[in-house]
Amino acid sequence: MLSSRPLDCVQCSNALSLISKIDCKLAELAKAEYNNIIFALNKCIQDVQIGDLLNYKRILTYKSVNPDYACEVSVNAIASRVKILVNR
């Protein structure tokens, strides 16, 4: 399976900047879900995207404190996946 790595910024390799991007996207998705529930818009719930972003945020938070956490997964690999999820 092919995987793309759209890394065109220097800040993407920084765990803290990725966490802030994830927080912004989660806030956007939460606002959309709130409006969906309140106004009965009947739109699809982005549950997989929200779950993935929360998991990546947890991994990045642990990696910012302990660089040896999840050694097999690099921050650049997470950054490429987060960038794809944030731009959806």
N, C-alpha and C. Protein backbone atom coordinates (compact mmCIF):
# COMPACT_ATOMS: atom_id res chain seq x y z
N MET A 1 0.83 -1.17 0.00
CA MET A 1 0.00 0.00 0.00
C MET A 1 0.87 1.24 0.00
N LEU A 2 0.55 2.18 -0.84
CA LEU A 2 1.31 3.41 -0.92
C LEU A 2 0.85 4.40 0.14
N SER A 3 1.80 5.10 0.71
CA SER A 3 1.43 6.13 1.69
C SER A 3 2.13 7.42 1.29
N SER A 4 1.40 8.49 1.33
CA SER A 4 1.97 9.78 0.96
C SER A 4 2.51 10.48 2.19
N ARG A 5 3.51 11.31 1.99
CA ARG A 5 4.11 12.07 3.08
C ARG A 5 4.21 13.53 2.67
N PRO A 6 3.12 14.26 2.81
CA PRO A 6 3.16 15.68 2.43
C PRO A 6 3.79 16.54 3.52
N LEU A 7 5.09 16.62 3.54
CA LEU A 7 5.79 17.42 4.54
C LEU A 7 6.44 18.61 3.83
N ASP A 8 5.77 19.73 3.84
CA ASP A 8 6.32 20.91 3.20
C ASP A 8 6.64 22.01 4.20
N CYS A 9 6.56 21.71 5.49
CA CYS A 9 6.85 22.73 6.49
C CYS A 9 7.82 22.20 7.52
N VAL A 10 8.58 23.10 8.08
CA VAL A 10 9.57 22.72 9.08
C VAL A 10 8.89 22.45 10.42
N GLN A 11 7.81 23.18 10.73
CA GLN A 11 7.14 23.04 12.02
C GLN A 11 6.42 21.70 12.16
N CYS A 12 6.21 20.99 11.05
CA CYS A 12 5.47 19.73 11.11
C CYS A 12 6.21 18.66 11.90
N SER A 13 7.51 18.77 12.01
CA SER A 13 8.27 17.78 12.76
C SER A 13 8.29 18.08 14.25
N ASN A 14 7.69 19.20 14.66
CA ASN A 14 7.61 19.57 16.05
C ASN A 14 6.32 19.01 16.64
N ALA A 15 6.43 18.24 17.73
CA ALA A 15 5.28 17.58 18.32
C ALA A 15 4.28 18.59 18.88
N LEU A 16 4.75 19.66 19.47
CA LEU A 16 3.84 20.63 20.08
C LEU A 16 3.03 21.39 19.04
N SER A 17 3.61 21.70 17.90
CA SER A 17 2.85 22.38 16.85
C SER A 17 1.81 21.44 16.25
N LEU A 18 2.14 20.16 16.16
CA LEU A 18 1.17 19.18 15.67
C LEU A 18 0.00 19.04 16.64
N ILE A 19 0.29 19.08 17.94
CA ILE A 19 -0.77 18.98 18.93
C ILE A 19 -1.71 20.18 18.82
N SER A 20 -1.16 21.37 18.58
CA SER A 20 -2.03 22.54 18.45
C SER A 20 -2.88 22.46 17.18
N LYS A 21 -2.34 21.91 16.09
CA LYS A 21 -3.13 21.72 14.87
C LYS A 21 -4.25 20.70 15.11
N ILE A 22 -3.94 19.65 15.85
CA ILE A 22 -4.94 18.64 16.17
C ILE A 22 -6.05 19.26 17.02
N ASP A 23 -5.67 20.09 18.00
CA ASP A 23 -6.67 20.74 18.85
C ASP A 23 -7.60 21.63 18.03
N CYS A 24 -7.05 22.37 17.08
CA CYS A 24 -7.88 23.23 16.24
C CYS A 24 -8.86 22.42 15.41
N LYS A 25 -8.39 21.32 14.83
CA LYS A 25 -9.27 20.48 14.02
C LYS A 25 -10.33 19.80 14.88
N LEU A 26 -9.96 19.36 16.09
CA LEU A 26 -10.94 18.75 16.97
C LEU A 26 -12.01 19.75 17.38
N ALA A 27 -11.61 20.99 17.62
CA ALA A 27 -12.59 22.03 17.96
C ALA A 27 -13.54 22.27 16.79
N GLU A 28 -13.00 22.28 15.58
CA GLU A 28 -13.83 22.47 14.39
C GLU A 28 -14.82 21.32 14.22
N LEU A 29 -14.35 20.08 14.40
CA LEU A 29 -15.22 18.92 14.27
C LEU A 29 -16.27 18.89 15.38
N ALA A 30 -15.89 19.29 16.58
CA ALA A 30 -16.84 19.32 17.69
C ALA A 30 -17.93 20.36 17.45
N LYS A 31 -17.55 21.50 16.91
CA LYS A 31 -18.54 22.54 16.60
C LYS A 31 -19.51 22.04 15.53
N ALA A 32 -18.99 21.35 14.52
CA ALA A 32 -19.85 20.81 13.47
C ALA A 32 -20.81 19.75 14.04
N GLU A 33 -20.31 18.91 14.94
CA GLU A 33 -21.17 17.90 15.55
C GLU A 33 -22.24 18.54 16.43
N TYR A 34 -21.87 19.59 17.16
CA TYR A 34 -22.83 20.30 18.00
C TYR A 34 -23.95 20.89 17.13
N ASN A 35 -23.57 21.55 16.06
CA ASN A 35 -24.57 22.12 15.15
C ASN A 35 -25.42 21.03 14.51
N ASN A 36 -24.80 19.89 14.22
CA ASN A 36 -25.53 18.77 13.64
C ASN A 36 -26.60 18.27 14.59
N ILE A 37 -26.27 18.20 15.88
CA ILE A 37 -27.23 17.70 16.87
C ILE A 37 -28.30 18.74 17.17
N ILE A 38 -27.90 19.98 17.39
CA ILE A 38 -28.84 21.03 17.78
C ILE A 38 -29.84 21.33 16.66
N PHE A 39 -29.36 21.46 15.45
CA PHE A 39 -30.22 21.86 14.34
C PHE A 39 -30.74 20.67 13.53
N ALA A 40 -30.47 19.44 13.98
CA ALA A 40 -30.92 18.22 13.32
C ALA A 40 -30.61 18.23 11.83
N LEU A 41 -29.33 18.41 11.52
CA LEU A 41 -28.90 18.51 10.12
C LEU A 41 -28.75 17.15 9.44
N ASN A 42 -28.68 16.08 10.22
CA ASN A 42 -28.55 14.71 9.70
C ASN A 42 -27.32 14.53 8.82
N LYS A 43 -26.22 15.13 9.21
CA LYS A 43 -24.96 14.91 8.50
C LYS A 43 -24.23 13.73 9.12
N CYS A 44 -23.28 13.19 8.39
CA CYS A 44 -22.49 12.07 8.89
C CYS A 44 -21.60 12.51 10.04
N ILE A 45 -21.42 11.59 10.98
CA ILE A 45 -20.54 11.86 12.11
C ILE A 45 -19.13 11.43 11.72
N GLN A 46 -18.16 12.28 11.97
CA GLN A 46 -16.77 12.00 11.62
C GLN A 46 -16.09 11.28 12.79
N ASP A 47 -16.64 10.14 13.20
CA ASP A 47 -16.15 9.46 14.39
C ASP A 47 -14.76 8.85 14.19
N VAL A 48 -14.49 8.34 13.02
CA VAL A 48 -13.17 7.73 12.76
C VAL A 48 -12.09 8.81 12.75
N GLN A 49 -12.37 9.94 12.13
CA GLN A 49 -11.40 11.02 12.08
C GLN A 49 -11.15 11.59 13.47
N ILE A 50 -12.19 11.74 14.26
CA ILE A 50 -12.03 12.25 15.63
C ILE A 50 -11.22 11.26 16.46
N GLY A 51 -11.52 9.99 16.34
CA GLY A 51 -10.79 8.96 17.09
C GLY A 51 -9.32 8.91 16.71
N ASP A 52 -9.04 8.98 15.41
CA ASP A 52 -7.65 8.97 14.95
C ASP A 52 -6.88 10.19 15.47
N LEU A 53 -7.50 11.36 15.40
CA LEU A 53 -6.84 12.57 15.88
C LEU A 53 -6.57 12.50 17.38
N LEU A 54 -7.52 11.96 18.14
CA LEU A 54 -7.30 11.82 19.58
C LEU A 54 -6.17 10.84 19.89
N ASN A 55 -6.09 9.76 19.13
CA ASN A 55 -5.00 8.80 19.33
C ASN A 55 -3.65 9.41 18.99
N TYR A 56 -3.57 10.14 17.87
CA TYR A 56 -2.31 10.79 17.50
C TYR A 56 -1.92 11.87 18.51
N LYS A 57 -2.91 12.57 19.05
CA LYS A 57 -2.61 13.58 20.06
C LYS A 57 -2.04 12.93 21.32
N ARG A 58 -2.60 11.79 21.71
CA ARG A 58 -2.09 11.07 22.88
C ARG A 58 -0.66 10.62 22.66
N ILE A 59 -0.38 10.06 21.50
CA ILE A 59 0.97 9.59 21.18
C ILE A 59 1.95 10.76 21.18
N LEU A 60 1.57 11.88 20.56
CA LEU A 60 2.47 13.03 20.50
C LEU A 60 2.68 13.66 21.88
N THR A 61 1.66 13.64 22.71
CA THR A 61 1.81 14.17 24.07
C THR A 61 2.80 13.33 24.86
N TYR A 62 2.69 12.02 24.76
CA TYR A 62 3.63 11.14 25.45
C TYR A 62 5.03 11.27 24.88
N LYS A 63 5.14 11.41 23.54
CA LYS A 63 6.45 11.55 22.92
C LYS A 63 7.12 12.88 23.27
N SER A 64 6.34 13.92 23.53
CA SER A 64 6.94 15.20 23.91
C SER A 64 7.56 15.13 25.30
N VAL A 65 7.02 14.27 26.15
CA VAL A 65 7.57 14.11 27.50
C VAL A 65 8.68 13.06 27.51
N ASN A 66 8.45 11.95 26.82
CA ASN A 66 9.41 10.85 26.79
C ASN A 66 9.72 10.51 25.34
N PRO A 67 10.88 10.92 24.81
CA PRO A 67 11.20 10.66 23.40
C PRO A 67 11.33 9.17 23.06
N ASP A 68 11.50 8.32 24.06
CA ASP A 68 11.63 6.88 23.81
C ASP A 68 10.28 6.18 23.71
N TYR A 69 9.19 6.90 23.94
CA TYR A 69 7.86 6.30 23.84
C TYR A 69 7.54 6.01 22.38
N ALA A 70 7.08 4.83 22.09
CA ALA A 70 6.72 4.40 20.73
C ALA A 70 7.86 4.68 19.76
N CYS A 71 9.00 4.07 20.02
CA CYS A 71 10.21 4.29 19.21
C CYS A 71 10.02 3.89 17.74
N GLU A 72 9.16 2.91 17.49
CA GLU A 72 8.98 2.43 16.11
C GLU A 72 8.21 3.42 15.25
N VAL A 73 7.57 4.41 15.86
CA VAL A 73 6.81 5.41 15.12
C VAL A 73 7.49 6.76 15.28
N SER A 74 7.90 7.35 14.17
CA SER A 74 8.57 8.64 14.23
C SER A 74 7.56 9.78 14.20
N VAL A 75 7.99 10.94 14.64
CA VAL A 75 7.13 12.11 14.62
C VAL A 75 6.80 12.51 13.19
N ASN A 76 7.74 12.30 12.27
CA ASN A 76 7.48 12.63 10.86
C ASN A 76 6.39 11.75 10.26
N ALA A 77 6.36 10.48 10.65
CA ALA A 77 5.30 9.59 10.16
C ALA A 77 3.94 10.02 10.70
N ILE A 78 3.91 10.40 11.96
CA ILE A 78 2.67 10.89 12.55
C ILE A 78 2.28 12.22 11.91
N ALA A 79 3.26 13.07 11.65
CA ALA A 79 2.99 14.38 11.05
C ALA A 79 2.34 14.25 9.68
N SER A 80 2.80 13.29 8.90
CA SER A 80 2.21 13.13 7.56
C SER A 80 0.75 12.68 7.66
N ARG A 81 0.47 11.79 8.59
CA ARG A 81 -0.91 11.31 8.76
C ARG A 81 -1.80 12.41 9.34
N VAL A 82 -1.28 13.17 10.31
CA VAL A 82 -2.05 14.25 10.92
C VAL A 82 -2.35 15.33 9.89
N LYS A 83 -1.39 15.62 9.04
CA LYS A 83 -1.60 16.63 8.01
C LYS A 83 -2.73 16.23 7.06
N ILE A 84 -2.79 14.95 6.72
CA ILE A 84 -3.86 14.47 5.86
C ILE A 84 -5.21 14.58 6.57
N LEU A 85 -5.26 14.20 7.84
CA LEU A 85 -6.51 14.26 8.59
C LEU A 85 -6.98 15.69 8.84
N VAL A 86 -6.05 16.60 9.06
CA VAL A 86 -6.41 17.99 9.35
C VAL A 86 -6.93 18.68 8.11
N ASN A 87 -6.42 18.32 6.93
CA ASN A 87 -6.83 18.99 5.70
C ASN A 87 -8.09 18.41 5.08
N ARG A 88 -8.67 17.39 5.70
CA ARG A 88 -9.91 16.82 5.17
C ARG A 88 -11.06 17.72 5.37
